[in-house]
Amino acid sequence: MQQKGYVRYEDLPLKTADGRQSHVEFVSNIYLVDHQKVIQCNIRDITERKRAEETRLESEERHRVFFEQARDMILVLELPPDGPRSSGRQ
């Protein structure tokens, strides 16, 4: 932090006091205020965002697998150039 003037962790896993696992975004910056260094820390809980992202990725994977497997089961029918022919039955 002394060299860059900031520290940033985009996904820092933490354990809460009651033992729950959470994920936070942590940003710390150094500022000069009246010629004195001041450190500002911002901590944002991103646990729900991480869960939503994991759910989205799992869903995408399920859909990808389904469509890859379904590709082998697709039946392609070619129609004659003049279109489908009626059997005369109504």
PDB file of N, CA and C in Angstrom:
ATOM      1  N   MET A   1       0.832  -1.180   0.000  1.00  0.00           N
ATOM      2  CA  MET A   1       0.000   0.000   0.000  1.00  0.00           C
ATOM      3  C   MET A   1       0.878   1.245   0.000  1.00  0.00           C
ATOM      4  N   GLN A   2       2.010   1.179   0.637  1.00  0.00           N
ATOM      5  CA  GLN A   2       2.908   2.331   0.670  1.00  0.00           C
ATOM      6  C   GLN A   2       3.399   2.682  -0.735  1.00  0.00           C
ATOM      7  N   GLN A   3       3.657   1.669  -1.560  1.00  0.00           N
ATOM      8  CA  GLN A   3       4.181   1.911  -2.899  1.00  0.00           C
ATOM      9  C   GLN A   3       3.098   2.335  -3.886  1.00  0.00           C
ATOM     10  N   LYS A   4       1.976   1.646  -3.895  1.00  0.00           N
ATOM     11  CA  LYS A   4       0.910   1.924  -4.862  1.00  0.00           C
ATOM     12  C   LYS A   4      -0.076   2.985  -4.393  1.00  0.00           C
ATOM     13  N   GLY A   5      -0.203   3.139  -3.109  1.00  0.00           N
ATOM     14  CA  GLY A   5      -1.188   4.082  -2.580  1.00  0.00           C
ATOM     15  C   GLY A   5      -2.565   3.477  -2.389  1.00  0.00           C
ATOM     16  N   TYR A   6      -2.702   2.191  -2.723  1.00  0.00           N
ATOM     17  CA  TYR A   6      -3.990   1.513  -2.544  1.00  0.00           C
ATOM     18  C   TYR A   6      -3.775   0.002  -2.456  1.00  0.00           C
ATOM     19  N   VAL A   7      -4.787  -0.670  -1.950  1.00  0.00           N
ATOM     20  CA  VAL A   7      -4.856  -2.131  -1.943  1.00  0.00           C
ATOM     21  C   VAL A   7      -6.272  -2.483  -2.365  1.00  0.00           C
ATOM     22  N   ARG A   8      -6.398  -3.464  -3.252  1.00  0.00           N
ATOM     23  CA  ARG A   8      -7.727  -3.872  -3.717  1.00  0.00           C
ATOM     24  C   ARG A   8      -7.800  -5.391  -3.802  1.00  0.00           C
ATOM     25  N   TYR A   9      -8.830  -5.941  -3.178  1.00  0.00           N
ATOM     26  CA  TYR A   9      -9.163  -7.357  -3.293  1.00  0.00           C
ATOM     27  C   TYR A   9     -10.578  -7.424  -3.847  1.00  0.00           C
ATOM     28  N   GLU A  10     -10.734  -8.005  -5.029  1.00  0.00           N
ATOM     29  CA  GLU A  10     -12.057  -8.065  -5.650  1.00  0.00           C
ATOM     30  C   GLU A  10     -12.933  -9.150  -5.059  1.00  0.00           C
ATOM     31  N   ASP A  11     -12.326 -10.183  -4.503  1.00  0.00           N
ATOM     32  CA  ASP A  11     -13.091 -11.273  -3.892  1.00  0.00           C
ATOM     33  C   ASP A  11     -12.278 -11.836  -2.746  1.00  0.00           C
ATOM     34  N   LEU A  12     -12.507 -11.300  -1.588  1.00  0.00           N
ATOM     35  CA  LEU A  12     -11.769 -11.713  -0.400  1.00  0.00           C
ATOM     36  C   LEU A  12     -12.699 -12.552   0.470  1.00  0.00           C
ATOM     37  N   PRO A  13     -12.451 -13.867   0.600  1.00  0.00           N
ATOM     38  CA  PRO A  13     -13.303 -14.694   1.449  1.00  0.00           C
ATOM     39  C   PRO A  13     -13.023 -14.406   2.924  1.00  0.00           C
ATOM     40  N   LEU A  14     -14.084 -14.222   3.674  1.00  0.00           N
ATOM     41  CA  LEU A  14     -13.965 -13.970   5.111  1.00  0.00           C
ATOM     42  C   LEU A  14     -14.917 -14.875   5.868  1.00  0.00           C
ATOM     43  N   LYS A  15     -14.570 -15.135   7.110  1.00  0.00           N
ATOM     44  CA  LYS A  15     -15.458 -15.892   7.995  1.00  0.00           C
ATOM     45  C   LYS A  15     -15.987 -14.900   9.023  1.00  0.00           C
ATOM     46  N   THR A  16     -17.316 -14.856   9.167  1.00  0.00           N
ATOM     47  CA  THR A  16     -17.929 -13.937  10.118  1.00  0.00           C
ATOM     48  C   THR A  16     -17.740 -14.438  11.550  1.00  0.00           C
ATOM     49  N   ALA A  17     -18.052 -13.593  12.506  1.00  0.00           N
ATOM     50  CA  ALA A  17     -17.895 -13.949  13.914  1.00  0.00           C
ATOM     51  C   ALA A  17     -18.739 -15.169  14.283  1.00  0.00           C
ATOM     52  N   ASP A  18     -19.902 -15.333  13.590  1.00  0.00           N
ATOM     53  CA  ASP A  18     -20.749 -16.498  13.891  1.00  0.00           C
ATOM     54  C   ASP A  18     -20.421 -17.704  13.014  1.00  0.00           C
ATOM     55  N   GLY A  19     -19.299 -17.648  12.274  1.00  0.00           N
ATOM     56  CA  GLY A  19     -18.823 -18.802  11.527  1.00  0.00           C
ATOM     57  C   GLY A  19     -19.286 -18.906  10.089  1.00  0.00           C
ATOM     58  N   ARG A  20     -20.126 -17.968   9.626  1.00  0.00           N
ATOM     59  CA  ARG A  20     -20.581 -18.010   8.231  1.00  0.00           C
ATOM     60  C   ARG A  20     -19.465 -17.552   7.303  1.00  0.00           C
ATOM     61  N   GLN A  21     -19.439 -18.129   6.108  1.00  0.00           N
ATOM     62  CA  GLN A  21     -18.481 -17.724   5.082  1.00  0.00           C
ATOM     63  C   GLN A  21     -19.116 -16.603   4.262  1.00  0.00           C
ATOM     64  N   SER A  22     -18.380 -15.535   4.036  1.00  0.00           N
ATOM     65  CA  SER A  22     -18.872 -14.462   3.178  1.00  0.00           C
ATOM     66  C   SER A  22     -17.741 -14.014   2.267  1.00  0.00           C
ATOM     67  N   HIS A  23     -18.102 -13.288   1.239  1.00  0.00           N
ATOM     68  CA  HIS A  23     -17.138 -12.744   0.285  1.00  0.00           C
ATOM     69  C   HIS A  23     -17.286 -11.234   0.280  1.00  0.00           C
ATOM     70  N   VAL A  24     -16.152 -10.541   0.299  1.00  0.00           N
ATOM     71  CA  VAL A  24     -16.193  -9.088   0.294  1.00  0.00           C
ATOM     72  C   VAL A  24     -15.239  -8.545  -0.773  1.00  0.00           C
ATOM     73  N   GLU A  25     -15.569  -7.349  -1.201  1.00  0.00           N
ATOM     74  CA  GLU A  25     -14.670  -6.562  -2.026  1.00  0.00           C
ATOM     75  C   GLU A  25     -14.037  -5.553  -1.072  1.00  0.00           C
ATOM     76  N   PHE A  26     -12.724  -5.494  -1.061  1.00  0.00           N
ATOM     77  CA  PHE A  26     -12.004  -4.656  -0.104  1.00  0.00           C
ATOM     78  C   PHE A  26     -11.115  -3.691  -0.883  1.00  0.00           C
ATOM     79  N   VAL A  27     -11.295  -2.398  -0.627  1.00  0.00           N
ATOM     80  CA  VAL A  27     -10.461  -1.375  -1.260  1.00  0.00           C
ATOM     81  C   VAL A  27      -9.974  -0.438  -0.173  1.00  0.00           C
ATOM     82  N   SER A  28      -8.675  -0.212  -0.154  1.00  0.00           N
ATOM     83  CA  SER A  28      -8.080   0.696   0.817  1.00  0.00           C
ATOM     84  C   SER A  28      -7.178   1.685   0.073  1.00  0.00           C
ATOM     85  N   ASN A  29      -7.341   2.960   0.367  1.00  0.00           N
ATOM     86  CA  ASN A  29      -6.571   4.017  -0.282  1.00  0.00           C
ATOM     87  C   ASN A  29      -5.902   4.912   0.751  1.00  0.00           C
ATOM     88  N   ILE A  30      -4.793   5.502   0.358  1.00  0.00           N
ATOM     89  CA  ILE A  30      -4.108   6.487   1.204  1.00  0.00           C
ATOM     90  C   ILE A  30      -4.348   7.872   0.603  1.00  0.00           C
ATOM     91  N   TYR A  31      -4.765   8.806   1.440  1.00  0.00           N
ATOM     92  CA  TYR A  31      -4.987  10.186   1.028  1.00  0.00           C
ATOM     93  C   TYR A  31      -4.182  11.113   1.933  1.00  0.00           C
ATOM     94  N   LEU A  32      -3.888  12.264   1.412  1.00  0.00           N
ATOM     95  CA  LEU A  32      -3.285  13.310   2.246  1.00  0.00           C
ATOM     96  C   LEU A  32      -4.377  14.294   2.641  1.00  0.00           C
ATOM     97  N   VAL A  33      -4.499  14.519   3.938  1.00  0.00           N
ATOM     98  CA  VAL A  33      -5.432  15.501   4.467  1.00  0.00           C
ATOM     99  C   VAL A  33      -4.640  16.386   5.412  1.00  0.00           C
ATOM    100  N   ASP A  34      -4.551  17.657   5.072  1.00  0.00           N
ATOM    101  CA  ASP A  34      -3.745  18.601   5.863  1.00  0.00           C
ATOM    102  C   ASP A  34      -2.338  18.062   6.086  1.00  0.00           C
ATOM    103  N   HIS A  35      -1.744  17.549   5.032  1.00  0.00           N
ATOM    104  CA  HIS A  35      -0.368  17.032   5.027  1.00  0.00           C
ATOM    105  C   HIS A  35      -0.179  15.785   5.897  1.00  0.00           C
ATOM    106  N   GLN A  36      -1.265  15.128   6.246  1.00  0.00           N
ATOM    107  CA  GLN A  36      -1.177  13.878   7.001  1.00  0.00           C
ATOM    108  C   GLN A  36      -1.802  12.758   6.175  1.00  0.00           C
ATOM    109  N   LYS A  37      -1.185  11.585   6.243  1.00  0.00           N
ATOM    110  CA  LYS A  37      -1.728  10.435   5.528  1.00  0.00           C
ATOM    111  C   LYS A  37      -2.957   9.895   6.259  1.00  0.00           C
ATOM    112  N   VAL A  38      -3.989   9.685   5.484  1.00  0.00           N
ATOM    113  CA  VAL A  38      -5.234   9.112   5.995  1.00  0.00           C
ATOM    114  C   VAL A  38      -5.531   7.863   5.170  1.00  0.00           C
ATOM    115  N   ILE A  39      -5.898   6.804   5.835  1.00  0.00           N
ATOM    116  CA  ILE A  39      -6.246   5.560   5.140  1.00  0.00           C
ATOM    117  C   ILE A  39      -7.757   5.400   5.165  1.00  0.00           C
ATOM    118  N   GLN A  40      -8.323   5.201   3.972  1.00  0.00           N
ATOM    119  CA  GLN A  40      -9.756   4.957   3.846  1.00  0.00           C
ATOM    120  C   GLN A  40      -9.947   3.516   3.401  1.00  0.00           C
ATOM    121  N   CYS A  41     -10.804   2.789   4.100  1.00  0.00           N
ATOM    122  CA  CYS A  41     -11.098   1.397   3.744  1.00  0.00           C
ATOM    123  C   CYS A  41     -12.577   1.266   3.413  1.00  0.00           C
ATOM    124  N   ASN A  42     -12.867   0.649   2.287  1.00  0.00           N
ATOM    125  CA  ASN A  42     -14.243   0.354   1.886  1.00  0.00           C
ATOM    126  C   ASN A  42     -14.369  -1.152   1.765  1.00  0.00           C
ATOM    127  N   ILE A  43     -15.357  -1.691   2.453  1.00  0.00           N
ATOM    128  CA  ILE A  43     -15.605  -3.131   2.411  1.00  0.00           C
ATOM    129  C   ILE A  43     -17.057  -3.329   1.994  1.00  0.00           C
ATOM    130  N   ARG A  44     -17.242  -4.083   0.909  1.00  0.00           N
ATOM    131  CA  ARG A  44     -18.584  -4.325   0.388  1.00  0.00           C
ATOM    132  C   ARG A  44     -18.830  -5.827   0.384  1.00  0.00           C
ATOM    133  N   ASP A  45     -19.944  -6.236   0.974  1.00  0.00           N
ATOM    134  CA  ASP A  45     -20.321  -7.655   0.994  1.00  0.00           C
ATOM    135  C   ASP A  45     -20.841  -8.035  -0.390  1.00  0.00           C
ATOM    136  N   ILE A  46     -20.160  -8.956  -1.059  1.00  0.00           N
ATOM    137  CA  ILE A  46     -20.561  -9.394  -2.397  1.00  0.00           C
ATOM    138  C   ILE A  46     -21.023 -10.859  -2.386  1.00  0.00           C
ATOM    139  N   THR A  47     -21.391 -11.356  -1.217  1.00  0.00           N
ATOM    140  CA  THR A  47     -21.782 -12.762  -1.076  1.00  0.00           C
ATOM    141  C   THR A  47     -22.957 -13.101  -1.983  1.00  0.00           C
ATOM    142  N   GLU A  48     -24.001 -12.296  -1.984  1.00  0.00           N
ATOM    143  CA  GLU A  48     -25.176 -12.578  -2.814  1.00  0.00           C
ATOM    144  C   GLU A  48     -24.830 -12.502  -4.290  1.00  0.00           C
ATOM    145  N   ARG A  49     -23.999 -11.547  -4.664  1.00  0.00           N
ATOM    146  CA  ARG A  49     -23.569 -11.423  -6.061  1.00  0.00           C
ATOM    147  C   ARG A  49     -22.803 -12.677  -6.484  1.00  0.00           C
ATOM    148  N   LYS A  50     -21.931 -13.192  -5.598  1.00  0.00           N
ATOM    149  CA  LYS A  50     -21.174 -14.411  -5.889  1.00  0.00           C
ATOM    150  C   LYS A  50     -22.122 -15.604  -6.042  1.00  0.00           C
ATOM    151  N   ARG A  51     -23.116 -15.714  -5.164  1.00  0.00           N
ATOM    152  CA  ARG A  51     -24.081 -16.820  -5.266  1.00  0.00           C
ATOM    153  C   ARG A  51     -24.850 -16.746  -6.580  1.00  0.00           C
ATOM    154  N   ALA A  52     -25.286 -15.541  -6.953  1.00  0.00           N
ATOM    155  CA  ALA A  52     -26.025 -15.374  -8.209  1.00  0.00           C
ATOM    156  C   ALA A  52     -25.150 -15.741  -9.402  1.00  0.00           C
ATOM    157  N   GLU A  53     -23.890 -15.351  -9.368  1.00  0.00           N
ATOM    158  CA  GLU A  53     -22.960 -15.684 -10.451  1.00  0.00           C
ATOM    159  C   GLU A  53     -22.747 -17.193 -10.535  1.00  0.00           C
ATOM    160  N   GLU A  54     -22.580 -17.852  -9.397  1.00  0.00           N
ATOM    161  CA  GLU A  54     -22.407 -19.308  -9.386  1.00  0.00           C
ATOM    162  C   GLU A  54     -23.652 -20.006  -9.917  1.00  0.00           C
ATOM    163  N   THR A  55     -24.827 -19.514  -9.539  1.00  0.00           N
ATOM    164  CA  THR A  55     -26.087 -20.084 -10.025  1.00  0.00           C
ATOM    165  C   THR A  55     -26.196 -19.911 -11.530  1.00  0.00           C
ATOM    166  N   ARG A  56     -25.826 -18.745 -12.026  1.00  0.00           N
ATOM    167  CA  ARG A  56     -25.872 -18.484 -13.469  1.00  0.00           C
ATOM    168  C   ARG A  56     -24.917 -19.413 -14.219  1.00  0.00           C
ATOM    169  N   LEU A  57     -23.706 -19.564 -13.702  1.00  0.00           N
ATOM    170  CA  LEU A  57     -22.733 -20.437 -14.357  1.00  0.00           C
ATOM    171  C   LEU A  57     -23.194 -21.890 -14.370  1.00  0.00           C
ATOM    172  N   GLU A  58     -23.786 -22.348 -13.261  1.00  0.00           N
ATOM    173  CA  GLU A  58     -24.305 -23.717 -13.202  1.00  0.00           C
ATOM    174  C   GLU A  58     -25.433 -23.906 -14.213  1.00  0.00           C
ATOM    175  N   SER A  59     -26.308 -22.916 -14.336  1.00  0.00           N
ATOM    176  CA  SER A  59     -27.409 -22.980 -15.287  1.00  0.00           C
ATOM    177  C   SER A  59     -26.884 -23.008 -16.717  1.00  0.00           C
ATOM    178  N   GLU A  60     -25.907 -22.169 -17.011  1.00  0.00           N
ATOM    179  CA  GLU A  60     -25.311 -22.162 -18.344  1.00  0.00           C
ATOM    180  C   GLU A  60     -24.690 -23.516 -18.670  1.00  0.00           C
ATOM    181  N   GLU A  61     -24.040 -24.115 -17.700  1.00  0.00           N
ATOM    182  CA  GLU A  61     -23.414 -25.423 -17.911  1.00  0.00           C
ATOM    183  C   GLU A  61     -24.475 -26.487 -18.188  1.00  0.00           C
ATOM    184  N   ARG A  62     -25.575 -26.476 -17.413  1.00  0.00           N
ATOM    185  CA  ARG A  62     -26.653 -27.444 -17.648  1.00  0.00           C
ATOM    186  C   ARG A  62     -27.232 -27.276 -19.050  1.00  0.00           C
ATOM    187  N   HIS A  63     -27.460 -26.026 -19.462  1.00  0.00           N
ATOM    188  CA  HIS A  63     -28.003 -25.775 -20.797  1.00  0.00           C
ATOM    189  C   HIS A  63     -27.012 -26.191 -21.890  1.00  0.00           C
ATOM    190  N   ARG A  64     -25.743 -25.921 -21.678  1.00  0.00           N
ATOM    191  CA  ARG A  64     -24.724 -26.297 -22.667  1.00  0.00           C
ATOM    192  C   ARG A  64     -24.704 -27.811 -22.848  1.00  0.00           C
ATOM    193  N   VAL A  65     -24.701 -28.542 -21.729  1.00  0.00           N
ATOM    194  CA  VAL A  65     -24.689 -30.007 -21.800  1.00  0.00           C
ATOM    195  C   VAL A  65     -25.954 -30.511 -22.493  1.00  0.00           C
ATOM    196  N   PHE A  66     -27.108 -29.937 -22.139  1.00  0.00           N
ATOM    197  CA  PHE A  66     -28.366 -30.362 -22.753  1.00  0.00           C
ATOM    198  C   PHE A  66     -28.322 -30.178 -24.265  1.00  0.00           C
ATOM    199  N   PHE A  67     -27.902 -28.993 -24.712  1.00  0.00           N
ATOM    200  CA  PHE A  67     -27.895 -28.729 -26.147  1.00  0.00           C
ATOM    201  C   PHE A  67     -26.828 -29.530 -26.883  1.00  0.00           C
ATOM    202  N   GLU A  68     -25.711 -29.797 -26.237  1.00  0.00           N
ATOM    203  CA  GLU A  68     -24.708 -30.647 -26.874  1.00  0.00           C
ATOM    204  C   GLU A  68     -25.233 -32.064 -27.046  1.00  0.00           C
ATOM    205  N   GLN A  69     -25.957 -32.555 -26.053  1.00  0.00           N
ATOM    206  CA  GLN A  69     -26.534 -33.894 -26.155  1.00  0.00           C
ATOM    207  C   GLN A  69     -27.723 -33.914 -27.101  1.00  0.00           C
ATOM    208  N   ALA A  70     -28.521 -32.845 -27.076  1.00  0.00           N
ATOM    209  CA  ALA A  70     -29.707 -32.767 -27.927  1.00  0.00           C
ATOM    210  C   ALA A  70     -29.312 -32.665 -29.395  1.00  0.00           C
ATOM    211  N   ARG A  71     -28.176 -32.113 -29.683  1.00  0.00           N
ATOM    212  CA  ARG A  71     -27.718 -31.967 -31.065  1.00  0.00           C
ATOM    213  C   ARG A  71     -27.704 -33.331 -31.752  1.00  0.00           C
ATOM    214  N   ASP A  72     -27.384 -34.382 -31.024  1.00  0.00           N
ATOM    215  CA  ASP A  72     -27.347 -35.727 -31.592  1.00  0.00           C
ATOM    216  C   ASP A  72     -28.744 -36.312 -31.794  1.00  0.00           C
ATOM    217  N   MET A  73     -29.759 -35.680 -31.230  1.00  0.00           N
ATOM    218  CA  MET A  73     -31.112 -36.215 -31.304  1.00  0.00           C
ATOM    219  C   MET A  73     -32.020 -35.416 -32.237  1.00  0.00           C
ATOM    220  N   ILE A  74     -31.501 -34.409 -32.896  1.00  0.00           N
ATOM    221  CA  ILE A  74     -32.330 -33.574 -33.754  1.00  0.00           C
ATOM    222  C   ILE A  74     -32.562 -34.292 -35.079  1.00  0.00           C
ATOM    223  N   LEU A  75     -33.815 -34.380 -35.478  1.00  0.00           N
ATOM    224  CA  LEU A  75     -34.199 -35.006 -36.729  1.00  0.00           C
ATOM    225  C   LEU A  75     -34.423 -33.906 -37.752  1.00  0.00           C
ATOM    226  N   VAL A  76     -33.728 -33.993 -38.859  1.00  0.00           N
ATOM    227  CA  VAL A  76     -33.858 -32.986 -39.905  1.00  0.00           C
ATOM    228  C   VAL A  76     -34.619 -33.611 -41.066  1.00  0.00           C
ATOM    229  N   LEU A  77     -35.752 -33.002 -41.428  1.00  0.00           N
ATOM    230  CA  LEU A  77     -36.542 -33.470 -42.560  1.00  0.00           C
ATOM    231  C   LEU A  77     -36.374 -32.482 -43.693  1.00  0.00           C
ATOM    232  N   GLU A  78     -36.061 -32.996 -44.870  1.00  0.00           N
ATOM    233  CA  GLU A  78     -35.944 -32.124 -46.026  1.00  0.00           C
ATOM    234  C   GLU A  78     -37.239 -32.204 -46.808  1.00  0.00           C
ATOM    235  N   LEU A  79     -37.785 -31.038 -47.122  1.00  0.00           N
ATOM    236  CA  LEU A  79     -39.015 -30.980 -47.906  1.00  0.00           C
ATOM    237  C   LEU A  79     -38.655 -30.867 -49.380  1.00  0.00           C
ATOM    238  N   PRO A  80     -39.516 -31.379 -50.247  1.00  0.00           N
ATOM    239  CA  PRO A  80     -39.272 -31.208 -51.679  1.00  0.00           C
ATOM    240  C   PRO A  80     -39.251 -29.711 -52.022  1.00  0.00           C
ATOM    241  N   PRO A  81     -38.561 -29.317 -53.080  1.00  0.00           N
ATOM    242  CA  PRO A  81     -38.452 -27.898 -53.425  1.00  0.00           C
ATOM    243  C   PRO A  81     -39.812 -27.218 -53.628  1.00  0.00           C
ATOM    244  N   ASP A  82     -40.841 -27.966 -54.050  1.00  0.00           N
ATOM    245  CA  ASP A  82     -42.155 -27.346 -54.275  1.00  0.00           C
ATOM    246  C   ASP A  82     -43.011 -27.367 -53.009  1.00  0.00           C
ATOM    247  N   GLY A  83     -42.445 -27.691 -51.864  1.00  0.00           N
ATOM    248  CA  GLY A  83     -43.168 -27.666 -50.592  1.00  0.00           C
ATOM    249  C   GLY A  83     -43.734 -29.017 -50.224  1.00  0.00           C
ATOM    250  N   PRO A  84     -44.404 -29.088 -49.052  1.00  0.00           N
ATOM    251  CA  PRO A  84     -44.968 -30.363 -48.612  1.00  0.00           C
ATOM    252  C   PRO A  84     -46.127 -30.771 -49.525  1.00  0.00           C
ATOM    253  N   ARG A  85     -46.296 -32.033 -49.705  1.00  0.00           N
ATOM    254  CA  ARG A  85     -47.396 -32.525 -50.559  1.00  0.00           C
ATOM    255  C   ARG A  85     -48.547 -32.981 -49.688  1.00  0.00           C
ATOM    256  N   SER A  86     -49.699 -32.628 -50.093  1.00  0.00           N
ATOM    257  CA  SER A  86     -50.888 -33.010 -49.354  1.00  0.00           C
ATOM    258  C   SER A  86     -51.261 -34.440 -49.738  1.00  0.00           C
ATOM    259  N   SER A  87     -51.722 -35.186 -48.777  1.00  0.00           N
ATOM    260  CA  SER A  87     -52.136 -36.562 -49.057  1.00  0.00           C
ATOM    261  C   SER A  87     -53.555 -36.592 -49.591  1.00  0.00           C
ATOM    262  N   GLY A  88     -54.198 -35.435 -49.646  1.00  0.00           N
ATOM    263  CA  GLY A  88     -55.585 -35.398 -50.123  1.00  0.00           C
ATOM    264  C   GLY A  88     -56.579 -35.613 -49.024  1.00  0.00           C
ATOM    265  N   ARG A  89     -56.125 -35.970 -47.832  1.00  0.00           N
ATOM    266  CA  ARG A  89     -57.023 -36.181 -46.684  1.00  0.00           C
ATOM    267  C   ARG A  89     -57.191 -34.892 -45.937  1.00  0.00           C
ATOM    268  N   GLN A  90     -58.382 -34.665 -45.445  1.00  0.00           N
ATOM    269  CA  GLN A  90     -58.661 -33.454 -44.676  1.00  0.00           C
ATOM    270  C   GLN A  90     -59.049 -33.810 -43.273  1.00  0.00           C
TER     271      GLN A  90
END
